[in-house]
Amino acid sequence: MRACLEYEADACSSLRANFPETAVIEADIRNVSTAELLRAARLRPGEAELLVGGPPCTPFSKSGYWLEYKRKGLDPEASLLEHYLRILDEARPRAFILENVFALAYRNHNRPWLERLLETFDQLGYRVAHRALLAADYGVPQRRQRLFIIGSLEGMPAFPAPTHGGPHETRKHWDRSLAPHATSGEAIGDLAGRDDLAEPEEIVGGKYGHLLPEIPPGDNYLYFTAKRGHPQRLFGWRKRYWSFLLKLDPAQPAPTIQAQPGPYVGPFHWHNRRLRLLEIKRLQTFPDEHVVVGSRRSAQVQIGNAVPPLLAEQVARALLAGPDDKTAAPVQLDLVAA
């Protein structure tokens, strides 16, 4: 990775700590010229192998549809996509990857943004493919689903073939010749007894924390509803987000690791506590030794916002190898705009 652009100070410090050879520009993309980014990467237009971008997903996430300005497509952060397009146009990399929440492809106020993106990529001469990928299908112990748009100047790009298979939401059929989805137990089970990893904030208290021990692994607040026959009947059926009081099942992949979970938003550990930093790193497939600079809250944001490295690597290798060459030789990622 030659250069990257990031707005948050802690994230920049983490990038510098883990990638000392990478030029890190700490700034708002709206205030950075493509020329400045290329200079930092020691590249000229047309020389970059790959441009990677993940503009903030909040303008397109379904979690904010109750806000009128988001329903009308007026979130100012949505304009960050336009600046990604600006850099793509002016830098002319060989290929690009754009990642966002899969809700960007919904047929609602988000749809015009997706259509505009695809039309612009075509006008710039890129052949493009887009697909919602389930991280668990690529060996990540997490059922994280995100939209990937990939493009190439050298022919139709291809996504990597899944390496793992298993159930997901309404999915009833999958390739059973593949390895089964990696589980949270496989990823973090060996850390459960590590008292040296304990964190002060991991105890769940307050109004609902005492309910966690009663909830079975893999279940959530719905355990305490009349439909489930619970005598307490503390909650209405589907009156909360699915992640409310959601507990990991060690025999299944983890649900999505969130960047800014509320006090009762899971996934929680099957030992009835919040997940520890090393555990969320493992569930996102970061190396144990990966340095995360900042407070515990900042670390959660950085890791939770990230594309799982194991998934990102497979997408990049397949894209740069080309549709007819899946040998997936090592690649040099030259230019990254976050």
C-alpha atoms as a PDB file:
ATOM      1  CA  MET A   1       0.000   0.000   0.000  1.00  0.00           C
ATOM      2  CA  ARG A   2       1.630   3.219  -1.189  1.00  0.00           C
ATOM      3  CA  ALA A   3      -0.666   5.868   0.300  1.00  0.00           C
ATOM      4  CA  CYS A   4      -3.941   6.214   2.126  1.00  0.00           C
ATOM      5  CA  LEU A   5      -6.305   8.993   3.071  1.00  0.00           C
ATOM      6  CA  GLU A   6      -8.169   8.905   6.393  1.00  0.00           C
ATOM      7  CA  TYR A   7     -10.110  11.509   8.364  1.00  0.00           C
ATOM      8  CA  GLU A   8     -10.035  10.120  11.924  1.00  0.00           C
ATOM      9  CA  ALA A   9      -6.867  10.815  13.929  1.00  0.00           C
ATOM     10  CA  ASP A  10      -6.806   7.500  15.826  1.00  0.00           C
ATOM     11  CA  ALA A  11      -7.301   5.520  12.626  1.00  0.00           C
ATOM     12  CA  CYS A  12      -4.397   7.411  11.045  1.00  0.00           C
ATOM     13  CA  SER A  13      -2.196   6.581  14.040  1.00  0.00           C
ATOM     14  CA  SER A  14      -3.153   2.906  13.727  1.00  0.00           C
ATOM     15  CA  LEU A  15      -2.314   2.934  10.017  1.00  0.00           C
ATOM     16  CA  ARG A  16       1.089   4.468  10.708  1.00  0.00           C
ATOM     17  CA  ALA A  17       1.801   1.928  13.442  1.00  0.00           C
ATOM     18  CA  ASN A  18       0.958  -1.073  11.267  1.00  0.00           C
ATOM     19  CA  PHE A  19       2.134   0.199   7.869  1.00  0.00           C
ATOM     20  CA  PRO A  20       5.212   2.376   8.490  1.00  0.00           C
ATOM     21  CA  GLU A  21       6.112   2.426   4.779  1.00  0.00           C
ATOM     22  CA  THR A  22       2.714   3.842   3.782  1.00  0.00           C
ATOM     23  CA  ALA A  23       2.135   7.579   3.390  1.00  0.00           C
ATOM     24  CA  VAL A  24      -0.870   8.451   5.551  1.00  0.00           C
ATOM     25  CA  ILE A  25      -2.724  11.671   4.743  1.00  0.00           C
ATOM     26  CA  GLU A  26      -4.834  12.769   7.712  1.00  0.00           C
ATOM     27  CA  ALA A  27      -7.536  14.902   6.121  1.00  0.00           C
ATOM     28  CA  ASP A  28     -11.077  15.124   4.768  1.00  0.00           C
ATOM     29  CA  ILE A  29     -11.261  13.731   1.241  1.00  0.00           C
ATOM     30  CA  ARG A  30     -13.297  16.784   0.253  1.00  0.00           C
ATOM     31  CA  ASN A  31     -10.244  18.945   0.919  1.00  0.00           C
ATOM     32  CA  VAL A  32      -7.573  16.758  -0.707  1.00  0.00           C
ATOM     33  CA  SER A  33      -6.656  16.935  -4.370  1.00  0.00           C
ATOM     34  CA  THR A  34      -5.911  13.864  -6.408  1.00  0.00           C
ATOM     35  CA  ALA A  35      -2.516  15.358  -7.197  1.00  0.00           C
ATOM     36  CA  GLU A  36      -1.679  15.483  -3.484  1.00  0.00           C
ATOM     37  CA  LEU A  37      -2.666  11.849  -3.043  1.00  0.00           C
ATOM     38  CA  LEU A  38      -0.633  10.775  -6.055  1.00  0.00           C
ATOM     39  CA  ARG A  39       2.420  12.693  -4.838  1.00  0.00           C
ATOM     40  CA  ALA A  40       2.205  10.937  -1.482  1.00  0.00           C
ATOM     41  CA  ALA A  41       2.078   7.592  -3.311  1.00  0.00           C
ATOM     42  CA  ARG A  42       4.962   8.592  -5.636  1.00  0.00           C
ATOM     43  CA  LEU A  43       2.779   7.883  -8.644  1.00  0.00           C
ATOM     44  CA  ARG A  44       1.517   9.661 -11.743  1.00  0.00           C
ATOM     45  CA  PRO A  45      -1.969   9.368 -13.251  1.00  0.00           C
ATOM     46  CA  GLY A  46      -2.440   5.929 -14.773  1.00  0.00           C
ATOM     47  CA  GLU A  47       0.305   4.220 -12.731  1.00  0.00           C
ATOM     48  CA  ALA A  48      -1.708   3.008  -9.738  1.00  0.00           C
ATOM     49  CA  GLU A  49      -2.704  -0.638  -9.646  1.00  0.00           C
ATOM     50  CA  LEU A  50      -5.692  -0.297  -7.338  1.00  0.00           C
ATOM     51  CA  LEU A  51      -7.869   2.363  -5.724  1.00  0.00           C
ATOM     52  CA  VAL A  52      -9.801   1.152  -2.676  1.00  0.00           C
ATOM     53  CA  GLY A  53     -12.516   3.169  -0.973  1.00  0.00           C
ATOM     54  CA  GLY A  54     -15.150   2.723   1.691  1.00  0.00           C
ATOM     55  CA  PRO A  55     -17.053   6.005   2.116  1.00  0.00           C
ATOM     56  CA  PRO A  56     -18.991   6.183   5.409  1.00  0.00           C
ATOM     57  CA  CYS A  57     -21.996   3.886   5.170  1.00  0.00           C
ATOM     58  CA  THR A  58     -24.343   5.856   7.455  1.00  0.00           C
ATOM     59  CA  PRO A  59     -26.050   7.723   4.573  1.00  0.00           C
ATOM     60  CA  PHE A  60     -27.188   4.382   3.121  1.00  0.00           C
ATOM     61  CA  SER A  61     -27.661   2.186   6.170  1.00  0.00           C
ATOM     62  CA  LYS A  62     -31.188   1.018   6.899  1.00  0.00           C
ATOM     63  CA  SER A  63     -30.639   1.859  10.575  1.00  0.00           C
ATOM     64  CA  GLY A  64     -31.389   5.532   9.894  1.00  0.00           C
ATOM     65  CA  TYR A  65     -34.452   5.332   7.655  1.00  0.00           C
ATOM     66  CA  TRP A  66     -36.543   6.980  10.362  1.00  0.00           C
ATOM     67  CA  LEU A  67     -34.674  10.250   9.650  1.00  0.00           C
ATOM     68  CA  GLU A  68     -36.519  12.224   6.980  1.00  0.00           C
ATOM     69  CA  TYR A  69     -33.414  13.800   5.456  1.00  0.00           C
ATOM     70  CA  LYS A  70     -31.936  10.328   4.922  1.00  0.00           C
ATOM     71  CA  ARG A  71     -35.134   8.998   3.358  1.00  0.00           C
ATOM     72  CA  LYS A  72     -34.945  11.901   0.905  1.00  0.00           C
ATOM     73  CA  GLY A  73     -31.306  11.155   0.103  1.00  0.00           C
ATOM     74  CA  LEU A  74     -30.074  14.443   1.593  1.00  0.00           C
ATOM     75  CA  ASP A  75     -27.373  13.169   3.934  1.00  0.00           C
ATOM     76  CA  PRO A  76     -24.330  15.425   3.279  1.00  0.00           C
ATOM     77  CA  GLU A  77     -21.926  12.518   3.791  1.00  0.00           C
ATOM     78  CA  ALA A  78     -23.381  10.807   0.730  1.00  0.00           C
ATOM     79  CA  SER A  79     -21.398  13.342  -1.315  1.00  0.00           C
ATOM     80  CA  LEU A  80     -18.215  11.518  -0.283  1.00  0.00           C
ATOM     81  CA  LEU A  81     -19.013   9.067  -3.065  1.00  0.00           C
ATOM     82  CA  GLU A  82     -18.621  11.916  -5.542  1.00  0.00           C
ATOM     83  CA  HIS A  83     -15.110  12.592  -4.276  1.00  0.00           C
ATOM     84  CA  TYR A  84     -14.223   8.923  -4.659  1.00  0.00           C
ATOM     85  CA  LEU A  85     -15.341   9.254  -8.281  1.00  0.00           C
ATOM     86  CA  ARG A  86     -13.257  12.417  -8.654  1.00  0.00           C
ATOM     87  CA  ILE A  87     -10.087  10.631  -7.525  1.00  0.00           C
ATOM     88  CA  LEU A  88     -10.864   7.621  -9.708  1.00  0.00           C
ATOM     89  CA  ASP A  89     -11.313   9.859 -12.744  1.00  0.00           C
ATOM     90  CA  GLU A  90      -8.121  11.838 -12.165  1.00  0.00           C
ATOM     91  CA  ALA A  91      -5.857   9.021 -10.920  1.00  0.00           C
ATOM     92  CA  ARG A  92      -6.955   6.445 -13.520  1.00  0.00           C
ATOM     93  CA  PRO A  93      -5.891   3.319 -11.597  1.00  0.00           C
ATOM     94  CA  ARG A  94      -5.886  -0.031 -13.355  1.00  0.00           C
ATOM     95  CA  ALA A  95      -8.694  -1.254 -11.091  1.00  0.00           C
ATOM     96  CA  PHE A  96     -10.837  -0.147  -8.144  1.00  0.00           C
ATOM     97  CA  ILE A  97     -12.821  -1.549  -5.229  1.00  0.00           C
ATOM     98  CA  LEU A  98     -15.685   0.319  -3.588  1.00  0.00           C
ATOM     99  CA  GLU A  99     -17.270  -1.171  -0.460  1.00  0.00           C
ATOM    100  CA  ASN A 100     -20.427  -0.099   1.334  1.00  0.00           C
ATOM    101  CA  VAL A 101     -23.463  -1.467   3.156  1.00  0.00           C
ATOM    102  CA  PHE A 102     -25.571  -3.695   0.945  1.00  0.00           C
ATOM    103  CA  ALA A 103     -28.506  -1.338   1.585  1.00  0.00           C
ATOM    104  CA  LEU A 104     -26.942   0.931  -1.053  1.00  0.00           C
ATOM    105  CA  ALA A 105     -28.478  -1.453  -3.593  1.00  0.00           C
ATOM    106  CA  TYR A 106     -31.983  -1.268  -2.100  1.00  0.00           C
ATOM    107  CA  ARG A 107     -34.735   0.006  -4.362  1.00  0.00           C
ATOM    108  CA  ASN A 108     -35.433   3.089  -2.254  1.00  0.00           C
ATOM    109  CA  HIS A 109     -33.805   6.519  -1.931  1.00  0.00           C
ATOM    110  CA  ASN A 110     -30.409   4.807  -2.231  1.00  0.00           C
ATOM    111  CA  ARG A 111     -31.036   3.423  -5.701  1.00  0.00           C
ATOM    112  CA  PRO A 112     -30.279   6.667  -7.597  1.00  0.00           C
ATOM    113  CA  TRP A 113     -26.858   6.751  -5.927  1.00  0.00           C
ATOM    114  CA  LEU A 114     -26.047   3.227  -7.089  1.00  0.00           C
ATOM    115  CA  GLU A 115     -27.296   3.908 -10.601  1.00  0.00           C
ATOM    116  CA  ARG A 116     -25.282   7.110 -10.752  1.00  0.00           C
ATOM    117  CA  LEU A 117     -22.176   5.258  -9.623  1.00  0.00           C
ATOM    118  CA  LEU A 118     -22.560   2.520 -12.220  1.00  0.00           C
ATOM    119  CA  GLU A 119     -23.251   5.029 -14.986  1.00  0.00           C
ATOM    120  CA  THR A 120     -20.201   7.105 -14.040  1.00  0.00           C
ATOM    121  CA  PHE A 121     -17.912   4.070 -13.924  1.00  0.00           C
ATOM    122  CA  ASP A 122     -19.073   3.160 -17.413  1.00  0.00           C
ATOM    123  CA  GLN A 123     -18.437   6.698 -18.681  1.00  0.00           C
ATOM    124  CA  LEU A 124     -14.908   6.538 -17.248  1.00  0.00           C
ATOM    125  CA  GLY A 125     -14.197   3.387 -19.241  1.00  0.00           C
ATOM    126  CA  TYR A 126     -14.301   0.815 -16.431  1.00  0.00           C
ATOM    127  CA  ARG A 127     -15.948  -2.569 -16.765  1.00  0.00           C
ATOM    128  CA  VAL A 128     -17.846  -3.081 -13.527  1.00  0.00           C
ATOM    129  CA  ALA A 129     -19.415  -5.835 -11.450  1.00  0.00           C
ATOM    130  CA  HIS A 130     -21.226  -5.492  -8.142  1.00  0.00           C
ATOM    131  CA  ARG A 131     -22.332  -8.065  -5.618  1.00  0.00           C
ATOM    132  CA  ALA A 132     -23.320  -8.374  -1.966  1.00  0.00           C
ATOM    133  CA  LEU A 133     -20.771 -10.672  -0.361  1.00  0.00           C
ATOM    134  CA  LEU A 134     -21.251 -12.628   2.843  1.00  0.00           C
ATOM    135  CA  ALA A 135     -17.961 -12.607   4.748  1.00  0.00           C
ATOM    136  CA  ALA A 136     -18.642 -16.073   6.171  1.00  0.00           C
ATOM    137  CA  ASP A 137     -18.516 -17.485   2.625  1.00  0.00           C
ATOM    138  CA  TYR A 138     -14.850 -16.496   2.494  1.00  0.00           C
ATOM    139  CA  GLY A 139     -13.631 -17.940   5.773  1.00  0.00           C
ATOM    140  CA  VAL A 140     -14.454 -15.005   8.048  1.00  0.00           C
ATOM    141  CA  PRO A 141     -16.135 -16.205  11.288  1.00  0.00           C
ATOM    142  CA  GLN A 142     -18.836 -13.562  10.901  1.00  0.00           C
ATOM    143  CA  ARG A 143     -22.086 -13.226   8.953  1.00  0.00           C
ATOM    144  CA  ARG A 144     -21.192  -9.743   7.750  1.00  0.00           C
ATOM    145  CA  GLN A 145     -22.815  -8.765   4.454  1.00  0.00           C
ATOM    146  CA  ARG A 146     -21.545  -5.834   2.386  1.00  0.00           C
ATOM    147  CA  LEU A 147     -21.898  -4.527  -1.158  1.00  0.00           C
ATOM    148  CA  PHE A 148     -18.738  -4.578  -3.259  1.00  0.00           C
ATOM    149  CA  ILE A 149     -18.404  -2.744  -6.576  1.00  0.00           C
ATOM    150  CA  ILE A 150     -15.275  -3.675  -8.510  1.00  0.00           C
ATOM    151  CA  GLY A 151     -14.019  -2.262 -11.783  1.00  0.00           C
ATOM    152  CA  SER A 152     -11.194  -2.743 -14.245  1.00  0.00           C
ATOM    153  CA  LEU A 153      -9.818  -1.051 -17.346  1.00  0.00           C
ATOM    154  CA  GLU A 154      -8.664  -4.437 -18.641  1.00  0.00           C
ATOM    155  CA  GLY A 155     -11.862  -6.396 -19.098  1.00  0.00           C
ATOM    156  CA  MET A 156     -14.791  -7.633 -17.068  1.00  0.00           C
ATOM    157  CA  PRO A 157     -13.698  -8.076 -13.418  1.00  0.00           C
ATOM    158  CA  ALA A 158     -14.455 -11.223 -11.470  1.00  0.00           C
ATOM    159  CA  PHE A 159     -15.284 -11.867  -7.842  1.00  0.00           C
ATOM    160  CA  PRO A 160     -13.525 -14.662  -5.973  1.00  0.00           C
ATOM    161  CA  ALA A 161     -15.362 -17.960  -5.656  1.00  0.00           C
ATOM    162  CA  PRO A 162     -16.619 -18.728  -2.132  1.00  0.00           C
ATOM    163  CA  THR A 163     -14.338 -20.922  -0.070  1.00  0.00           C
ATOM    164  CA  HIS A 164     -16.918 -21.792   2.605  1.00  0.00           C
ATOM    165  CA  GLY A 165     -20.626 -22.542   2.711  1.00  0.00           C
ATOM    166  CA  GLY A 166     -23.449 -22.532   5.211  1.00  0.00           C
ATOM    167  CA  PRO A 167     -26.892 -21.146   6.066  1.00  0.00           C
ATOM    168  CA  HIS A 168     -27.706 -17.435   6.075  1.00  0.00           C
ATOM    169  CA  GLU A 169     -31.099 -15.816   6.712  1.00  0.00           C
ATOM    170  CA  THR A 170     -33.413 -17.480   4.135  1.00  0.00           C
ATOM    171  CA  ARG A 171     -30.650 -19.463   2.416  1.00  0.00           C
ATOM    172  CA  LYS A 172     -31.560 -23.145   2.373  1.00  0.00           C
ATOM    173  CA  HIS A 173     -29.120 -24.432  -0.223  1.00  0.00           C
ATOM    174  CA  TRP A 174     -25.363 -24.017  -0.503  1.00  0.00           C
ATOM    175  CA  ASP A 175     -22.399 -25.899  -1.890  1.00  0.00           C
ATOM    176  CA  ARG A 176     -21.823 -28.590   0.709  1.00  0.00           C
ATOM    177  CA  SER A 177     -18.543 -29.584  -0.896  1.00  0.00           C
ATOM    178  CA  LEU A 178     -17.062 -26.388   0.534  1.00  0.00           C
ATOM    179  CA  ALA A 179     -15.689 -26.111   4.043  1.00  0.00           C
ATOM    180  CA  PRO A 180     -18.385 -25.142   6.567  1.00  0.00           C
ATOM    181  CA  HIS A 181     -18.542 -21.560   7.801  1.00  0.00           C
ATOM    182  CA  ALA A 182     -15.919 -20.783  10.431  1.00  0.00           C
ATOM    183  CA  THR A 183     -17.508 -20.350  13.858  1.00  0.00           C
ATOM    184  CA  SER A 184     -17.017 -17.822  16.625  1.00  0.00           C
ATOM    185  CA  GLY A 185     -16.001 -20.668  18.912  1.00  0.00           C
ATOM    186  CA  GLU A 186     -13.205 -21.637  16.552  1.00  0.00           C
ATOM    187  CA  ALA A 187     -12.061 -18.017  16.329  1.00  0.00           C
ATOM    188  CA  ILE A 188     -12.147 -16.941  19.977  1.00  0.00           C
ATOM    189  CA  GLY A 189     -12.925 -20.030  22.047  1.00  0.00           C
ATOM    190  CA  ASP A 190      -9.327 -20.298  23.226  1.00  0.00           C
ATOM    191  CA  LEU A 191      -9.532 -16.779  24.672  1.00  0.00           C
ATOM    192  CA  ALA A 192     -12.581 -17.341  26.882  1.00  0.00           C
ATOM    193  CA  GLY A 193     -10.578 -18.209  29.997  1.00  0.00           C
ATOM    194  CA  ARG A 194      -7.958 -15.474  29.586  1.00  0.00           C
ATOM    195  CA  ASP A 195      -8.474 -13.276  32.654  1.00  0.00           C
ATOM    196  CA  ASP A 196      -5.514 -11.148  31.556  1.00  0.00           C
ATOM    197  CA  LEU A 197      -7.621  -9.896  28.650  1.00  0.00           C
ATOM    198  CA  ALA A 198     -10.481  -8.652  30.849  1.00  0.00           C
ATOM    199  CA  GLU A 199     -11.680  -5.077  30.261  1.00  0.00           C
ATOM    200  CA  PRO A 200     -13.436  -2.770  32.767  1.00  0.00           C
ATOM    201  CA  GLU A 201     -16.254  -2.028  30.306  1.00  0.00           C
ATOM    202  CA  GLU A 202     -17.094  -5.663  29.534  1.00  0.00           C
ATOM    203  CA  ILE A 203     -19.647  -6.092  32.351  1.00  0.00           C
ATOM    204  CA  VAL A 204     -23.196  -5.450  31.112  1.00  0.00           C
ATOM    205  CA  GLY A 205     -25.248  -3.726  33.787  1.00  0.00           C
ATOM    206  CA  GLY A 206     -28.088  -1.243  33.733  1.00  0.00           C
ATOM    207  CA  LYS A 207     -31.732  -1.982  33.065  1.00  0.00           C
ATOM    208  CA  TYR A 208     -31.295  -5.119  30.928  1.00  0.00           C
ATOM    209  CA  GLY A 209     -27.836  -6.505  31.644  1.00  0.00           C
ATOM    210  CA  HIS A 210     -29.136  -9.025  34.188  1.00  0.00           C
ATOM    211  CA  LEU A 211     -31.169 -10.714  31.424  1.00  0.00           C
ATOM    212  CA  LEU A 212     -28.153 -11.922  29.449  1.00  0.00           C
ATOM    213  CA  PRO A 213     -27.422 -15.060  31.525  1.00  0.00           C
ATOM    214  CA  GLU A 214     -30.910 -16.408  30.816  1.00  0.00           C
ATOM    215  CA  ILE A 215     -30.691 -15.935  27.037  1.00  0.00           C
ATOM    216  CA  PRO A 216     -29.420 -19.070  25.230  1.00  0.00           C
ATOM    217  CA  PRO A 217     -26.369 -18.719  22.950  1.00  0.00           C
ATOM    218  CA  GLY A 218     -27.419 -17.456  19.535  1.00  0.00           C
ATOM    219  CA  ASP A 219     -30.656 -15.939  20.832  1.00  0.00           C
ATOM    220  CA  ASN A 220     -31.678 -12.358  21.645  1.00  0.00           C
ATOM    221  CA  TYR A 221     -34.402 -10.328  23.381  1.00  0.00           C
ATOM    222  CA  LEU A 222     -37.101 -12.379  21.614  1.00  0.00           C
ATOM    223  CA  TYR A 223     -36.450 -15.051  24.210  1.00  0.00           C
ATOM    224  CA  PHE A 224     -38.473 -12.878  26.613  1.00  0.00           C
ATOM    225  CA  THR A 225     -41.619 -12.560  24.468  1.00  0.00           C
ATOM    226  CA  ALA A 226     -45.103 -14.028  24.661  1.00  0.00           C
ATOM    227  CA  LYS A 227     -44.655 -15.692  21.276  1.00  0.00           C
ATOM    228  CA  ARG A 228     -41.795 -17.705  22.763  1.00  0.00           C
ATOM    229  CA  GLY A 229     -43.964 -18.550  25.751  1.00  0.00           C
ATOM    230  CA  HIS A 230     -41.751 -16.818  28.294  1.00  0.00           C
ATOM    231  CA  PRO A 231     -43.653 -16.131  31.540  1.00  0.00           C
ATOM    232  CA  GLN A 232     -42.112 -12.663  31.991  1.00  0.00           C
ATOM    233  CA  ARG A 233     -42.947 -11.396  28.474  1.00  0.00           C
ATOM    234  CA  LEU A 234     -40.717  -8.333  28.785  1.00  0.00           C
ATOM    235  CA  PHE A 235     -40.696  -7.320  25.126  1.00  0.00           C
ATOM    236  CA  GLY A 236     -43.078  -7.126  22.198  1.00  0.00           C
ATOM    237  CA  TRP A 237     -42.442  -9.372  19.218  1.00  0.00           C
ATOM    238  CA  ARG A 238     -39.967  -7.736  16.838  1.00  0.00           C
ATOM    239  CA  LYS A 239     -40.179  -4.389  18.597  1.00  0.00           C
ATOM    240  CA  ARG A 240     -36.389  -4.038  18.859  1.00  0.00           C
ATOM    241  CA  TYR A 241     -33.450  -4.401  16.530  1.00  0.00           C
ATOM    242  CA  TRP A 242     -32.349  -8.006  16.034  1.00  0.00           C
ATOM    243  CA  SER A 243     -29.025  -7.213  17.716  1.00  0.00           C
ATOM    244  CA  PHE A 244     -30.670  -6.191  21.018  1.00  0.00           C
ATOM    245  CA  LEU A 245     -29.328  -8.535  23.725  1.00  0.00           C
ATOM    246  CA  LEU A 246     -27.977 -10.784  20.972  1.00  0.00           C
ATOM    247  CA  LYS A 247     -25.575 -13.428  22.228  1.00  0.00           C
ATOM    248  CA  LEU A 248     -22.926 -15.334  20.284  1.00  0.00           C
ATOM    249  CA  ASP A 249     -23.399 -19.002  19.546  1.00  0.00           C
ATOM    250  CA  PRO A 250     -19.948 -20.621  19.625  1.00  0.00           C
ATOM    251  CA  ALA A 251     -21.145 -23.170  17.054  1.00  0.00           C
ATOM    252  CA  GLN A 252     -22.067 -20.463  14.506  1.00  0.00           C
ATOM    253  CA  PRO A 253     -20.358 -17.499  12.828  1.00  0.00           C
ATOM    254  CA  ALA A 254     -20.752 -14.239  14.738  1.00  0.00           C
ATOM    255  CA  PRO A 255     -23.337 -11.668  13.668  1.00  0.00           C
ATOM    256  CA  THR A 256     -21.952  -8.407  12.290  1.00  0.00           C
ATOM    257  CA  ILE A 257     -19.463  -6.701  14.588  1.00  0.00           C
ATOM    258  CA  GLN A 258     -20.728  -3.139  14.862  1.00  0.00           C
ATOM    259  CA  ALA A 259     -18.636   0.003  15.079  1.00  0.00           C
ATOM    260  CA  GLN A 260     -20.799   1.877  17.567  1.00  0.00           C
ATOM    261  CA  PRO A 261     -23.059  -0.555  19.416  1.00  0.00           C
ATOM    262  CA  GLY A 262     -25.445   0.775  22.027  1.00  0.00           C
ATOM    263  CA  PRO A 263     -25.282  -0.431  25.648  1.00  0.00           C
ATOM    264  CA  TYR A 264     -27.487  -3.466  24.953  1.00  0.00           C
ATOM    265  CA  VAL A 265     -26.528  -4.123  21.344  1.00  0.00           C
ATOM    266  CA  GLY A 266     -24.673  -7.351  20.649  1.00  0.00           C
ATOM    267  CA  PRO A 267     -23.200  -9.615  19.831  1.00  0.00           C
ATOM    268  CA  PHE A 268     -22.308 -10.361  23.438  1.00  0.00           C
ATOM    269  CA  HIS A 269     -20.044 -13.221  24.451  1.00  0.00           C
ATOM    270  CA  TRP A 270     -21.693 -16.501  25.403  1.00  0.00           C
ATOM    271  CA  HIS A 271     -20.179 -15.833  28.855  1.00  0.00           C
ATOM    272  CA  ASN A 272     -22.623 -12.923  29.220  1.00  0.00           C
ATOM    273  CA  ARG A 273     -20.252  -9.992  28.758  1.00  0.00           C
ATOM    274  CA  ARG A 274     -19.167  -7.610  26.056  1.00  0.00           C
ATOM    275  CA  LEU A 275     -16.570  -8.809  23.603  1.00  0.00           C
ATOM    276  CA  ARG A 276     -12.958  -7.889  24.324  1.00  0.00           C
ATOM    277  CA  LEU A 277     -10.715  -6.111  21.858  1.00  0.00           C
ATOM    278  CA  LEU A 278      -8.698  -9.194  20.916  1.00  0.00           C
ATOM    279  CA  GLU A 279     -11.964 -11.082  20.352  1.00  0.00           C
ATOM    280  CA  ILE A 280     -13.412  -8.525  17.939  1.00  0.00           C
ATOM    281  CA  LYS A 281     -10.066  -8.425  16.115  1.00  0.00           C
ATOM    282  CA  ARG A 282     -10.224 -12.199  15.674  1.00  0.00           C
ATOM    283  CA  LEU A 283     -13.853 -12.123  14.510  1.00  0.00           C
ATOM    284  CA  GLN A 284     -12.853  -9.513  11.910  1.00  0.00           C
ATOM    285  CA  THR A 285      -9.748 -11.593  10.963  1.00  0.00           C
ATOM    286  CA  PHE A 286      -7.218  -8.979  12.063  1.00  0.00           C
ATOM    287  CA  PRO A 287      -3.925 -10.445  13.294  1.00  0.00           C
ATOM    288  CA  ASP A 288      -3.587 -10.586  17.075  1.00  0.00           C
ATOM    289  CA  GLU A 289      -0.565  -8.292  16.850  1.00  0.00           C
ATOM    290  CA  HIS A 290      -2.414  -5.619  14.852  1.00  0.00           C
ATOM    291  CA  VAL A 291      -1.978  -2.304  16.698  1.00  0.00           C
ATOM    292  CA  VAL A 292      -5.124  -0.268  17.379  1.00  0.00           C
ATOM    293  CA  VAL A 293      -4.395   3.222  18.697  1.00  0.00           C
ATOM    294  CA  GLY A 294      -6.857   5.110  20.897  1.00  0.00           C
ATOM    295  CA  SER A 295      -9.472   4.415  23.535  1.00  0.00           C
ATOM    296  CA  ARG A 296     -11.470   1.202  23.729  1.00  0.00           C
ATOM    297  CA  ARG A 297     -14.403   2.996  22.124  1.00  0.00           C
ATOM    298  CA  SER A 298     -12.187   4.263  19.314  1.00  0.00           C
ATOM    299  CA  ALA A 299     -10.793   0.765  18.795  1.00  0.00           C
ATOM    300  CA  GLN A 300     -14.338  -0.593  18.428  1.00  0.00           C
ATOM    301  CA  VAL A 301     -15.081   2.004  15.770  1.00  0.00           C
ATOM    302  CA  GLN A 302     -11.894   1.276  13.832  1.00  0.00           C
ATOM    303  CA  ILE A 303     -12.270  -2.512  13.858  1.00  0.00           C
ATOM    304  CA  GLY A 304     -16.045  -2.477  13.405  1.00  0.00           C
ATOM    305  CA  ASN A 305     -15.884  -0.133  10.408  1.00  0.00           C
ATOM    306  CA  ALA A 306     -13.239  -2.194   8.631  1.00  0.00           C
ATOM    307  CA  VAL A 307     -13.644  -4.723   5.856  1.00  0.00           C
ATOM    308  CA  PRO A 308     -12.412  -8.061   7.255  1.00  0.00           C
ATOM    309  CA  PRO A 309      -8.840  -8.351   5.924  1.00  0.00           C
ATOM    310  CA  LEU A 310      -9.340 -11.977   4.890  1.00  0.00           C
ATOM    311  CA  LEU A 311     -12.270 -10.993   2.664  1.00  0.00           C
ATOM    312  CA  ALA A 312     -10.556  -7.863   1.313  1.00  0.00           C
ATOM    313  CA  GLU A 313      -7.490  -9.844   0.295  1.00  0.00           C
ATOM    314  CA  GLN A 314      -9.506 -12.381  -1.681  1.00  0.00           C
ATOM    315  CA  VAL A 315     -11.491  -9.691  -3.510  1.00  0.00           C
ATOM    316  CA  ALA A 316      -8.310  -7.771  -4.417  1.00  0.00           C
ATOM    317  CA  ARG A 317      -6.421 -10.855  -5.593  1.00  0.00           C
ATOM    318  CA  ALA A 318      -9.264 -12.025  -7.823  1.00  0.00           C
ATOM    319  CA  LEU A 319      -9.734  -8.543  -9.269  1.00  0.00           C
ATOM    320  CA  LEU A 320      -6.074  -7.935 -10.100  1.00  0.00           C
ATOM    321  CA  ALA A 321      -5.541 -11.459 -11.391  1.00  0.00           C
ATOM    322  CA  GLY A 322      -8.162 -10.834 -14.059  1.00  0.00           C
ATOM    323  CA  PRO A 323     -11.079 -12.996 -15.220  1.00  0.00           C
ATOM    324  CA  ASP A 324      -8.853 -15.572 -16.925  1.00  0.00           C
ATOM    325  CA  ASP A 325      -6.096 -15.899 -14.327  1.00  0.00           C
ATOM    326  CA  LYS A 326      -7.046 -17.084 -10.865  1.00  0.00           C
ATOM    327  CA  THR A 327      -3.544 -17.964  -9.712  1.00  0.00           C
ATOM    328  CA  ALA A 328      -3.871 -15.025  -7.314  1.00  0.00           C
ATOM    329  CA  ALA A 329      -0.225 -14.014  -7.261  1.00  0.00           C
ATOM    330  CA  PRO A 330       0.827 -11.499  -4.595  1.00  0.00           C
ATOM    331  CA  VAL A 331      -0.201  -7.932  -5.437  1.00  0.00           C
ATOM    332  CA  GLN A 332       1.085  -4.483  -4.530  1.00  0.00           C
ATOM    333  CA  LEU A 333      -1.730  -2.171  -3.434  1.00  0.00           C
ATOM    334  CA  ASP A 334      -0.523   1.215  -4.594  1.00  0.00           C
ATOM    335  CA  LEU A 335      -3.188   3.763  -3.725  1.00  0.00           C
ATOM    336  CA  VAL A 336      -5.926   3.739  -1.129  1.00  0.00           C
ATOM    337  CA  ALA A 337      -8.493   6.439  -0.427  1.00  0.00           C
ATOM    338  CA  ALA A 338     -10.508   5.643   2.687  1.00  0.00           C
END
